[in-house]
PDB file of N, CA and C in Angstrom:
ATOM      1  N   MET A   1      97.582 101.520  97.096  1.00  0.00           N
ATOM      2  CA  MET A   1      97.770 101.038  98.446  1.00  0.00           C
ATOM      3  C   MET A   1      97.185 102.044  99.435  1.00  0.00           C
ATOM      4  N   ILE A   2      96.478 101.521 100.424  1.00  0.00           N
ATOM      5  CA  ILE A   2      95.928 102.339 101.494  1.00  0.00           C
ATOM      6  C   ILE A   2      96.727 102.035 102.753  1.00  0.00           C
ATOM      7  N   LYS A   3      97.317 103.076 103.320  1.00  0.00           N
ATOM      8  CA  LYS A   3      98.168 102.908 104.503  1.00  0.00           C
ATOM      9  C   LYS A   3      97.343 103.117 105.773  1.00  0.00           C
ATOM     10  N   ILE A   4      97.421 102.123 106.657  1.00  0.00           N
ATOM     11  CA  ILE A   4      96.613 102.092 107.873  1.00  0.00           C
ATOM     12  C   ILE A   4      97.537 102.020 109.082  1.00  0.00           C
ATOM     13  N   LEU A   5      97.233 102.840 110.093  1.00  0.00           N
ATOM     14  CA  LEU A   5      97.980 102.824 111.344  1.00  0.00           C
ATOM     15  C   LEU A   5      97.058 102.355 112.460  1.00  0.00           C
ATOM     16  N   LEU A   6      97.512 101.349 113.222  1.00  0.00           N
ATOM     17  CA  LEU A   6      96.754 100.853 114.375  1.00  0.00           C
ATOM     18  C   LEU A   6      97.313 101.443 115.658  1.00  0.00           C
ATOM     19  N   ASP A   7      96.427 101.922 116.490  1.00  0.00           N
ATOM     20  CA  ASP A   7      96.819 102.488 117.773  1.00  0.00           C
ATOM     21  C   ASP A   7      97.397 101.389 118.671  1.00  0.00           C
ATOM     22  N   GLU A   8      98.245 101.790 119.601  1.00  0.00           N
ATOM     23  CA  GLU A   8      98.884 100.814 120.485  1.00  0.00           C
ATOM     24  C   GLU A   8      97.899 100.159 121.448  1.00  0.00           C
ATOM     25  N   CYS A   9      96.706 100.711 121.608  1.00  0.00           N
ATOM     26  CA  CYS A   9      95.705 100.115 122.491  1.00  0.00           C
ATOM     27  C   CYS A   9      95.015  98.905 121.856  1.00  0.00           C
ATOM     28  N   LEU A  10      95.304  98.646 120.585  1.00  0.00           N
ATOM     29  CA  LEU A  10      94.710  97.511 119.882  1.00  0.00           C
ATOM     30  C   LEU A  10      95.678  96.334 119.847  1.00  0.00           C
ATOM     31  N   PRO A  11      95.147  95.105 119.887  1.00  0.00           N
ATOM     32  CA  PRO A  11      96.030  93.933 119.799  1.00  0.00           C
ATOM     33  C   PRO A  11      96.755  93.884 118.455  1.00  0.00           C
ATOM     34  N   LYS A  12      98.031  93.555 118.488  1.00  0.00           N
ATOM     35  CA  LYS A  12      98.848  93.528 117.270  1.00  0.00           C
ATOM     36  C   LYS A  12      98.303  92.543 116.237  1.00  0.00           C
ATOM     37  N   LYS A  13      97.632  91.488 116.697  1.00  0.00           N
ATOM     38  CA  LYS A  13      97.068  90.486 115.785  1.00  0.00           C
ATOM     39  C   LYS A  13      96.105  91.100 114.774  1.00  0.00           C
ATOM     40  N   LEU A  14      95.458  92.199 115.135  1.00  0.00           N
ATOM     41  CA  LEU A  14      94.512  92.844 114.216  1.00  0.00           C
ATOM     42  C   LEU A  14      95.206  93.308 112.944  1.00  0.00           C
ATOM     43  N   LYS A  15      96.462  93.667 113.056  1.00  0.00           N
ATOM     44  CA  LYS A  15      97.240  94.111 111.893  1.00  0.00           C
ATOM     45  C   LYS A  15      97.177  93.064 110.786  1.00  0.00           C
ATOM     46  N   TYR A  16      97.383  91.826 111.140  1.00  0.00           N
ATOM     47  CA  TYR A  16      97.401  90.749 110.148  1.00  0.00           C
ATOM     48  C   TYR A  16      95.998  90.452 109.607  1.00  0.00           C
ATOM     49  N   ARG A  17      94.993  90.541 110.463  1.00  0.00           N
ATOM     50  CA  ARG A  17      93.610  90.308 110.007  1.00  0.00           C
ATOM     51  C   ARG A  17      93.186  91.384 109.015  1.00  0.00           C
ATOM     52  N   ILE A  18      93.580  92.627 109.263  1.00  0.00           N
ATOM     53  CA  ILE A  18      93.210  93.727 108.363  1.00  0.00           C
ATOM     54  C   ILE A  18      93.913  93.560 107.019  1.00  0.00           C
ATOM     55  N   GLU A  19      95.176  93.194 107.044  1.00  0.00           N
ATOM     56  CA  GLU A  19      95.906  93.010 105.780  1.00  0.00           C
ATOM     57  C   GLU A  19      95.340  91.843 104.965  1.00  0.00           C
ATOM     58  N   GLU A  20      94.758  90.858 105.631  1.00  0.00           N
ATOM     59  CA  GLU A  20      94.146  89.729 104.931  1.00  0.00           C
ATOM     60  C   GLU A  20      92.852  90.124 104.213  1.00  0.00           C
ATOM     61  N   LEU A  21      92.247  91.222 104.622  1.00  0.00           N
ATOM     62  CA  LEU A  21      90.972  91.658 104.044  1.00  0.00           C
ATOM     63  C   LEU A  21      91.108  92.133 102.601  1.00  0.00           C
ATOM     64  N   ASP A  22      92.246  92.759 102.293  1.00  0.00           N
ATOM     65  CA  ASP A  22      92.429  93.346 100.968  1.00  0.00           C
ATOM     66  C   ASP A  22      93.921  93.488 100.688  1.00  0.00           C
ATOM     67  N   GLN A  23      94.342  93.123  99.504  1.00  0.00           N
ATOM     68  CA  GLN A  23      95.774  93.197  99.177  1.00  0.00           C
ATOM     69  C   GLN A  23      96.288  94.626  99.091  1.00  0.00           C
ATOM     70  N   ASP A  24      95.391  95.610  99.005  1.00  0.00           N
ATOM     71  CA  ASP A  24      95.794  97.013  98.963  1.00  0.00           C
ATOM     72  C   ASP A  24      95.966  97.633 100.355  1.00  0.00           C
ATOM     73  N   PHE A  25      95.664  96.881 101.411  1.00  0.00           N
ATOM     74  CA  PHE A  25      95.796  97.404 102.767  1.00  0.00           C
ATOM     75  C   PHE A  25      97.201  97.138 103.293  1.00  0.00           C
ATOM     76  N   PHE A  26      97.913  98.209 103.643  1.00  0.00           N
ATOM     77  CA  PHE A  26      99.244  98.138 104.232  1.00  0.00           C
ATOM     78  C   PHE A  26      99.109  98.656 105.661  1.00  0.00           C
ATOM     79  N   THR A  27      99.371  97.803 106.642  1.00  0.00           N
ATOM     80  CA  THR A  27      99.086  98.138 108.036  1.00  0.00           C
ATOM     81  C   THR A  27     100.341  98.109 108.896  1.00  0.00           C
ATOM     82  N   LYS A  28     100.475  99.132 109.727  1.00  0.00           N
ATOM     83  CA  LYS A  28     101.547  99.218 110.720  1.00  0.00           C
ATOM     84  C   LYS A  28     100.903  99.538 112.073  1.00  0.00           C
ATOM     85  N   THR A  29     101.599  99.202 113.143  1.00  0.00           N
ATOM     86  CA  THR A  29     101.151  99.586 114.483  1.00  0.00           C
ATOM     87  C   THR A  29     101.995 100.773 114.951  1.00  0.00           C
ATOM     88  N   THR A  30     101.503 101.479 115.944  1.00  0.00           N
ATOM     89  CA  THR A  30     102.297 102.601 116.456  1.00  0.00           C
ATOM     90  C   THR A  30     103.642 102.116 117.003  1.00  0.00           C
ATOM     91  N   PRO A  31     103.723 100.952 117.686  1.00  0.00           N
ATOM     92  CA  PRO A  31     105.046 100.474 118.097  1.00  0.00           C
ATOM     93  C   PRO A  31     105.959 100.151 116.898  1.00  0.00           C
ATOM     94  N   ASP A  32     105.383  99.624 115.798  1.00  0.00           N
ATOM     95  CA  ASP A  32     106.183  99.373 114.588  1.00  0.00           C
ATOM     96  C   ASP A  32     106.884 100.653 114.131  1.00  0.00           C
ATOM     97  N   MET A  33     106.195 101.764 114.275  1.00  0.00           N
ATOM     98  CA  MET A  33     106.708 103.058 113.816  1.00  0.00           C
ATOM     99  C   MET A  33     107.592 103.749 114.858  1.00  0.00           C
ATOM    100  N   GLY A  34     107.654 103.195 116.062  1.00  0.00           N
ATOM    101  CA  GLY A  34     108.413 103.832 117.136  1.00  0.00           C
ATOM    102  C   GLY A  34     107.662 104.986 117.775  1.00  0.00           C
ATOM    103  N   TRP A  35     106.336 104.962 117.646  1.00  0.00           N
ATOM    104  CA  TRP A  35     105.507 106.058 118.140  1.00  0.00           C
ATOM    105  C   TRP A  35     104.659 105.675 119.351  1.00  0.00           C
ATOM    106  N   ALA A  36     104.990 104.607 120.027  1.00  0.00           N
ATOM    107  CA  ALA A  36     104.154 104.087 121.111  1.00  0.00           C
ATOM    108  C   ALA A  36     103.970 105.056 122.273  1.00  0.00           C
ATOM    109  N   SER A  37     104.919 105.891 122.532  1.00  0.00           N
ATOM    110  CA  SER A  37     104.828 106.766 123.704  1.00  0.00           C
ATOM    111  C   SER A  37     104.283 108.162 123.391  1.00  0.00           C
ATOM    112  N   LEU A  38     103.895 108.407 122.149  1.00  0.00           N
ATOM    113  CA  LEU A  38     103.399 109.736 121.779  1.00  0.00           C
ATOM    114  C   LEU A  38     101.982 109.977 122.285  1.00  0.00           C
ATOM    115  N   SER A  39     101.667 111.233 122.581  1.00  0.00           N
ATOM    116  CA  SER A  39     100.297 111.594 122.951  1.00  0.00           C
ATOM    117  C   SER A  39      99.437 111.505 121.692  1.00  0.00           C
ATOM    118  N   ASN A  40      98.127 111.485 121.861  1.00  0.00           N
ATOM    119  CA  ASN A  40      97.235 111.377 120.700  1.00  0.00           C
ATOM    120  C   ASN A  40      97.441 112.498 119.692  1.00  0.00           C
ATOM    121  N   GLY A  41      97.642 113.716 120.174  1.00  0.00           N
ATOM    122  CA  GLY A  41      97.859 114.847 119.275  1.00  0.00           C
ATOM    123  C   GLY A  41      99.136 114.694 118.468  1.00  0.00           C
ATOM    124  N   GLU A  42     100.213 114.314 119.133  1.00  0.00           N
ATOM    125  CA  GLU A  42     101.489 114.091 118.450  1.00  0.00           C
ATOM    126  C   GLU A  42     101.376 112.926 117.467  1.00  0.00           C
ATOM    127  N   LEU A  43     100.696 111.883 117.901  1.00  0.00           N
ATOM    128  CA  LEU A  43     100.548 110.685 117.080  1.00  0.00           C
ATOM    129  C   LEU A  43      99.799 110.998 115.789  1.00  0.00           C
ATOM    130  N   LEU A  44      98.681 111.692 115.894  1.00  0.00           N
ATOM    131  CA  LEU A  44      97.924 112.047 114.690  1.00  0.00           C
ATOM    132  C   LEU A  44      98.731 112.957 113.778  1.00  0.00           C
ATOM    133  N   SER A  45      99.476 113.867 114.361  1.00  0.00           N
ATOM    134  CA  SER A  45     100.309 114.770 113.575  1.00  0.00           C
ATOM    135  C   SER A  45     101.374 113.995 112.791  1.00  0.00           C
ATOM    136  N   MET A  46     102.015 113.041 113.428  1.00  0.00           N
ATOM    137  CA  MET A  46     103.028 112.219 112.765  1.00  0.00           C
ATOM    138  C   MET A  46     102.387 111.327 111.700  1.00  0.00           C
ATOM    139  N   ALA A  47     101.235 110.773 112.017  1.00  0.00           N
ATOM    140  CA  ALA A  47     100.558 109.839 111.114  1.00  0.00           C
ATOM    141  C   ALA A  47     100.044 110.521 109.854  1.00  0.00           C
ATOM    142  N   GLU A  48      99.690 111.786 109.954  1.00  0.00           N
ATOM    143  CA  GLU A  48      99.120 112.505 108.806  1.00  0.00           C
ATOM    144  C   GLU A  48     100.016 112.458 107.572  1.00  0.00           C
ATOM    145  N   GLY A  49     101.278 112.527 107.750  1.00  0.00           N
ATOM    146  CA  GLY A  49     102.172 112.542 106.610  1.00  0.00           C
ATOM    147  C   GLY A  49     102.419 111.186 105.972  1.00  0.00           C
ATOM    148  N   GLU A  50     102.050 110.112 106.686  1.00  0.00           N
ATOM    149  CA  GLU A  50     102.401 108.782 106.206  1.00  0.00           C
ATOM    150  C   GLU A  50     101.235 107.809 106.050  1.00  0.00           C
ATOM    151  N   PHE A  51     100.089 108.095 106.662  1.00  0.00           N
ATOM    152  CA  PHE A  51      98.981 107.147 106.667  1.00  0.00           C
ATOM    153  C   PHE A  51      97.681 107.787 106.195  1.00  0.00           C
ATOM    154  N   ASP A  52      96.792 106.937 105.695  1.00  0.00           N
ATOM    155  CA  ASP A  52      95.474 107.392 105.241  1.00  0.00           C
ATOM    156  C   ASP A  52      94.410 107.218 106.319  1.00  0.00           C
ATOM    157  N   VAL A  53      94.550 106.148 107.106  1.00  0.00           N
ATOM    158  CA  VAL A  53      93.540 105.787 108.101  1.00  0.00           C
ATOM    159  C   VAL A  53      94.233 105.436 109.416  1.00  0.00           C
ATOM    160  N   PHE A  54      93.659 105.923 110.517  1.00  0.00           N
ATOM    161  CA  PHE A  54      94.127 105.597 111.860  1.00  0.00           C
ATOM    162  C   PHE A  54      92.996 104.864 112.564  1.00  0.00           C
ATOM    163  N   ILE A  55      93.284 103.658 113.075  1.00  0.00           N
ATOM    164  CA  ILE A  55      92.269 102.861 113.758  1.00  0.00           C
ATOM    165  C   ILE A  55      92.614 102.774 115.237  1.00  0.00           C
ATOM    166  N   THR A  56      91.623 103.043 116.075  1.00  0.00           N
ATOM    167  CA  THR A  56      91.818 103.067 117.518  1.00  0.00           C
ATOM    168  C   THR A  56      90.595 102.482 118.225  1.00  0.00           C
ATOM    169  N   SER A  57      90.738 102.270 119.517  1.00  0.00           N
ATOM    170  CA  SER A  57      89.588 101.929 120.355  1.00  0.00           C
ATOM    171  C   SER A  57      89.467 102.960 121.481  1.00  0.00           C
ATOM    172  N   ASP A  58      90.215 104.042 121.384  1.00  0.00           N
ATOM    173  CA  ASP A  58      90.213 105.127 122.374  1.00  0.00           C
ATOM    174  C   ASP A  58      88.961 105.979 122.168  1.00  0.00           C
ATOM    175  N   LYS A  59      87.968 105.773 123.018  1.00  0.00           N
ATOM    176  CA  LYS A  59      86.678 106.461 122.885  1.00  0.00           C
ATOM    177  C   LYS A  59      86.772 107.958 123.142  1.00  0.00           C
ATOM    178  N   ASN A  60      87.842 108.415 123.768  1.00  0.00           N
ATOM    179  CA  ASN A  60      87.992 109.838 124.071  1.00  0.00           C
ATOM    180  C   ASN A  60      88.706 110.623 122.970  1.00  0.00           C
ATOM    181  N   LEU A  61      89.280 109.942 122.013  1.00  0.00           N
ATOM    182  CA  LEU A  61      90.080 110.600 120.984  1.00  0.00           C
ATOM    183  C   LEU A  61      89.309 111.694 120.254  1.00  0.00           C
ATOM    184  N   SER A  62      88.073 111.425 119.885  1.00  0.00           N
ATOM    185  CA  SER A  62      87.303 112.406 119.114  1.00  0.00           C
ATOM    186  C   SER A  62      86.992 113.661 119.930  1.00  0.00           C
ATOM    187  N   PHE A  63      87.003 113.549 121.251  1.00  0.00           N
ATOM    188  CA  PHE A  63      86.744 114.705 122.104  1.00  0.00           C
ATOM    189  C   PHE A  63      88.028 115.481 122.384  1.00  0.00           C
ATOM    190  N   GLN A  64      89.168 114.793 122.314  1.00  0.00           N
ATOM    191  CA  GLN A  64      90.442 115.407 122.654  1.00  0.00           C
ATOM    192  C   GLN A  64      91.151 116.041 121.462  1.00  0.00           C
ATOM    193  N   GLN A  65      90.836 115.589 120.256  1.00  0.00           N
ATOM    194  CA  GLN A  65      91.568 116.039 119.069  1.00  0.00           C
ATOM    195  C   GLN A  65      90.624 116.627 118.023  1.00  0.00           C
ATOM    196  N   SER A  66      91.139 117.530 117.227  1.00  0.00           N
ATOM    197  CA  SER A  66      90.375 118.119 116.127  1.00  0.00           C
ATOM    198  C   SER A  66      90.600 117.271 114.878  1.00  0.00           C
ATOM    199  N   ILE A  67      89.788 116.257 114.741  1.00  0.00           N
ATOM    200  CA  ILE A  67      89.939 115.312 113.631  1.00  0.00           C
ATOM    201  C   ILE A  67      89.487 115.925 112.315  1.00  0.00           C
ATOM    202  N   SER A  68      88.481 116.780 112.356  1.00  0.00           N
ATOM    203  CA  SER A  68      87.926 117.349 111.117  1.00  0.00           C
ATOM    204  C   SER A  68      88.948 118.159 110.323  1.00  0.00           C
ATOM    205  N   SER A  69      89.960 118.692 110.985  1.00  0.00           N
ATOM    206  CA  SER A  69      90.986 119.461 110.274  1.00  0.00           C
ATOM    207  C   SER A  69      92.199 118.601 109.921  1.00  0.00           C
ATOM    208  N   SER A  70      92.092 117.325 110.162  1.00  0.00           N
ATOM    209  CA  SER A  70      93.193 116.399 109.917  1.00  0.00           C
ATOM    210  C   SER A  70      93.175 115.891 108.476  1.00  0.00           C
ATOM    211  N   SER A  71      94.307 115.404 108.005  1.00  0.00           N
ATOM    212  CA  SER A  71      94.377 114.824 106.665  1.00  0.00           C
ATOM    213  C   SER A  71      94.312 113.302 106.719  1.00  0.00           C
ATOM    214  N   ILE A  72      93.884 112.789 107.867  1.00  0.00           N
ATOM    215  CA  ILE A  72      93.767 111.350 108.061  1.00  0.00           C
ATOM    216  C   ILE A  72      92.354 111.033 108.555  1.00  0.00           C
ATOM    217  N   GLN A  73      91.835 109.894 108.163  1.00  0.00           N
ATOM    218  CA  GLN A  73      90.537 109.447 108.675  1.00  0.00           C
ATOM    219  C   GLN A  73      90.770 108.646 109.940  1.00  0.00           C
ATOM    220  N   VAL A  74      89.930 108.825 110.941  1.00  0.00           N
ATOM    221  CA  VAL A  74      90.032 108.093 112.197  1.00  0.00           C
ATOM    222  C   VAL A  74      88.834 107.149 112.307  1.00  0.00           C
ATOM    223  N   VAL A  75      89.133 105.890 112.608  1.00  0.00           N
ATOM    224  CA  VAL A  75      88.095 104.881 112.784  1.00  0.00           C
ATOM    225  C   VAL A  75      88.166 104.373 114.218  1.00  0.00           C
ATOM    226  N   LEU A  76      87.037 104.446 114.908  1.00  0.00           N
ATOM    227  CA  LEU A  76      86.936 103.976 116.285  1.00  0.00           C
ATOM    228  C   LEU A  76      86.247 102.616 116.291  1.00  0.00           C
ATOM    229  N   LEU A  77      86.931 101.616 116.811  1.00  0.00           N
ATOM    230  CA  LEU A  77      86.328 100.297 116.993  1.00  0.00           C
ATOM    231  C   LEU A  77      85.730 100.265 118.397  1.00  0.00           C
ATOM    232  N   LYS A  78      84.403 100.194 118.478  1.00  0.00           N
ATOM    233  CA  LYS A  78      83.713 100.201 119.775  1.00  0.00           C
ATOM    234  C   LYS A  78      83.296  98.788 120.145  1.00  0.00           C
ATOM    235  N   ALA A  79      84.093  98.174 120.976  1.00  0.00           N
ATOM    236  CA  ALA A  79      83.812  96.829 121.464  1.00  0.00           C
ATOM    237  C   ALA A  79      83.698  96.872 122.982  1.00  0.00           C
ATOM    238  N   ARG A  80      83.240  95.776 123.540  1.00  0.00           N
ATOM    239  CA  ARG A  80      83.078  95.683 124.991  1.00  0.00           C
ATOM    240  C   ARG A  80      84.418  95.844 125.706  1.00  0.00           C
ATOM    241  N   THR A  81      85.469  95.238 125.126  1.00  0.00           N
ATOM    242  CA  THR A  81      86.827  95.355 125.677  1.00  0.00           C
ATOM    243  C   THR A  81      87.812  95.517 124.520  1.00  0.00           C
ATOM    244  N   ASN A  82      89.073  95.668 124.834  1.00  0.00           N
ATOM    245  CA  ASN A  82      90.123  95.782 123.813  1.00  0.00           C
ATOM    246  C   ASN A  82      90.778  94.445 123.496  1.00  0.00           C
ATOM    247  N   ILE A  83      90.194  93.363 123.950  1.00  0.00           N
ATOM    248  CA  ILE A  83      90.812  92.070 123.662  1.00  0.00           C
ATOM    249  C   ILE A  83      90.447  91.639 122.241  1.00  0.00           C
ATOM    250  N   TYR A  84      91.314  90.853 121.665  1.00  0.00           N
ATOM    251  CA  TYR A  84      91.193  90.432 120.269  1.00  0.00           C
ATOM    252  C   TYR A  84      89.826  89.824 119.952  1.00  0.00           C
ATOM    253  N   GLU A  85      89.350  88.946 120.804  1.00  0.00           N
ATOM    254  CA  GLU A  85      88.087  88.250 120.547  1.00  0.00           C
ATOM    255  C   GLU A  85      86.902  89.206 120.461  1.00  0.00           C
ATOM    256  N   ASP A  86      86.924  90.288 121.215  1.00  0.00           N
ATOM    257  CA  ASP A  86      85.838  91.276 121.152  1.00  0.00           C
ATOM    258  C   ASP A  86      85.965  92.188 119.935  1.00  0.00           C
ATOM    259  N   LEU A  87      87.185  92.494 119.533  1.00  0.00           N
ATOM    260  CA  LEU A  87      87.418  93.407 118.406  1.00  0.00           C
ATOM    261  C   LEU A  87      87.328  92.720 117.041  1.00  0.00           C
ATOM    262  N   PHE A  88      87.685  91.441 116.990  1.00  0.00           N
ATOM    263  CA  PHE A  88      87.743  90.742 115.699  1.00  0.00           C
ATOM    264  C   PHE A  88      86.453  90.830 114.884  1.00  0.00           C
ATOM    265  N   PRO A  89      85.258  90.669 115.468  1.00  0.00           N
ATOM    266  CA  PRO A  89      84.035  90.771 114.654  1.00  0.00           C
ATOM    267  C   PRO A  89      83.873  92.134 113.964  1.00  0.00           C
ATOM    268  N   LEU A  90      84.461  93.165 114.522  1.00  0.00           N
ATOM    269  CA  LEU A  90      84.358  94.505 113.928  1.00  0.00           C
ATOM    270  C   LEU A  90      85.246  94.647 112.696  1.00  0.00           C
ATOM    271  N   VAL A  91      86.285  93.844 112.622  1.00  0.00           N
ATOM    272  CA  VAL A  91      87.235  93.910 111.509  1.00  0.00           C
ATOM    273  C   VAL A  91      86.536  93.647 110.171  1.00  0.00           C
ATOM    274  N   GLU A  92      85.550  92.773 110.165  1.00  0.00           N
ATOM    275  CA  GLU A  92      84.820  92.455 108.939  1.00  0.00           C
ATOM    276  C   GLU A  92      84.115  93.672 108.346  1.00  0.00           C
ATOM    277  N   LYS A  93      83.840  94.666 109.172  1.00  0.00           N
ATOM    278  CA  LYS A  93      83.161  95.883 108.712  1.00  0.00           C
ATOM    279  C   LYS A  93      84.130  96.933 108.163  1.00  0.00           C
ATOM    280  N   LEU A  94      85.419  96.694 108.311  1.00  0.00           N
ATOM    281  CA  LEU A  94      86.422  97.694 107.943  1.00  0.00           C
ATOM    282  C   LEU A  94      86.642  97.914 106.441  1.00  0.00           C
ATOM    283  N   PRO A  95      86.606  96.908 105.583  1.00  0.00           N
ATOM    284  CA  PRO A  95      86.978  97.147 104.183  1.00  0.00           C
ATOM    285  C   PRO A  95      86.255  98.311 103.507  1.00  0.00           C
ATOM    286  N   SER A  96      84.939  98.380 103.623  1.00  0.00           N
ATOM    287  CA  SER A  96      84.216  99.467 102.952  1.00  0.00           C
ATOM    288  C   SER A  96      84.559 100.825 103.554  1.00  0.00           C
ATOM    289  N   VAL A  97      84.764 100.861 104.863  1.00  0.00           N
ATOM    290  CA  VAL A  97      85.118 102.116 105.549  1.00  0.00           C
ATOM    291  C   VAL A  97      86.511 102.574 105.119  1.00  0.00           C
ATOM    292  N   ILE A  98      87.439 101.649 105.066  1.00  0.00           N
ATOM    293  CA  ILE A  98      88.818 101.986 104.697  1.00  0.00           C
ATOM    294  C   ILE A  98      88.889 102.412 103.231  1.00  0.00           C
ATOM    295  N   LYS A  99      88.230 101.684 102.360  1.00  0.00           N
ATOM    296  CA  LYS A  99      88.284 102.005 100.931  1.00  0.00           C
ATOM    297  C   LYS A  99      87.656 103.360 100.614  1.00  0.00           C
ATOM    298  N   ALA A 100      86.692 103.779 101.417  1.00  0.00           N
ATOM    299  CA  ALA A 100      86.028 105.064 101.190  1.00  0.00           C
ATOM    300  C   ALA A 100      86.598 106.163 102.090  1.00  0.00           C
ATOM    301  N   HIS A 101      87.828 105.985 102.561  1.00  0.00           N
ATOM    302  CA  HIS A 101      88.408 106.930 103.524  1.00  0.00           C
ATOM    303  C   HIS A 101      88.419 108.363 102.978  1.00  0.00           C
ATOM    304  N   LYS A 102      88.170 109.281 103.912  1.00  0.00           N
ATOM    305  CA  LYS A 102      88.177 110.708 103.588  1.00  0.00           C
ATOM    306  C   LYS A 102      88.921 111.439 104.699  1.00  0.00           C
ATOM    307  N   PRO A 103      89.816 112.332 104.327  1.00  0.00           N
ATOM    308  CA  PRO A 103      90.555 113.100 105.340  1.00  0.00           C
ATOM    309  C   PRO A 103      89.611 113.835 106.288  1.00  0.00           C
ATOM    310  N   GLY A 104      89.932 113.786 107.566  1.00  0.00           N
ATOM    311  CA  GLY A 104      89.165 114.513 108.568  1.00  0.00           C
ATOM    312  C   GLY A 104      87.871 113.847 108.996  1.00  0.00           C
ATOM    313  N   LYS A 105      87.603 112.670 108.490  1.00  0.00           N
ATOM    314  CA  LYS A 105      86.358 111.981 108.844  1.00  0.00           C
ATOM    315  C   LYS A 105      86.591 111.091 110.057  1.00  0.00           C
ATOM    316  N   PHE A 106      85.587 111.027 110.937  1.00  0.00           N
ATOM    317  CA  PHE A 106      85.626 110.180 112.111  1.00  0.00           C
ATOM    318  C   PHE A 106      84.465 109.196 112.019  1.00  0.00           C
ATOM    319  N   ILE A 107      84.780 107.905 112.081  1.00  0.00           N
ATOM    320  CA  ILE A 107      83.744 106.877 111.943  1.00  0.00           C
ATOM    321  C   ILE A 107      83.834 105.917 113.114  1.00  0.00           C
ATOM    322  N   GLU A 108      82.659 105.578 113.658  1.00  0.00           N
ATOM    323  CA  GLU A 108      82.581 104.583 114.724  1.00  0.00           C
ATOM    324  C   GLU A 108      82.035 103.283 114.160  1.00  0.00           C
ATOM    325  N   ILE A 109      82.654 102.177 114.521  1.00  0.00           N
ATOM    326  CA  ILE A 109      82.178 100.860 114.121  1.00  0.00           C
ATOM    327  C   ILE A 109      81.839 100.087 115.387  1.00  0.00           C
ATOM    328  N   GLU A 110      80.600  99.616 115.437  1.00  0.00           N
ATOM    329  CA  GLU A 110      80.143  98.843 116.611  1.00  0.00           C
ATOM    330  C   GLU A 110      79.785  97.439 116.204  1.00  0.00           C
TER     331      GLU A 110
END
């Protein structure tokens, strides 16, 4: 099982679309975990112990945090907006990225 955490800036519906991609994908949102109000640094620190991949649309995250020293992979979904319809086409590109996850890696999907 690959554990995936979705940032609160992403629509919750993406959680279900990602889980439909592969039966080994277990997805939670930051609100599911009670982590909605944490800063990015705190959030990544908490996620490291429980998740393999963190998915966000926060374009500033890679500049604000030291991802390379993290034990979690961060995936940035780069869409025109954060609405479901703009992000959904990017979800199809996630399976290979998630399955090949590596700690400390930062990947952008456009």
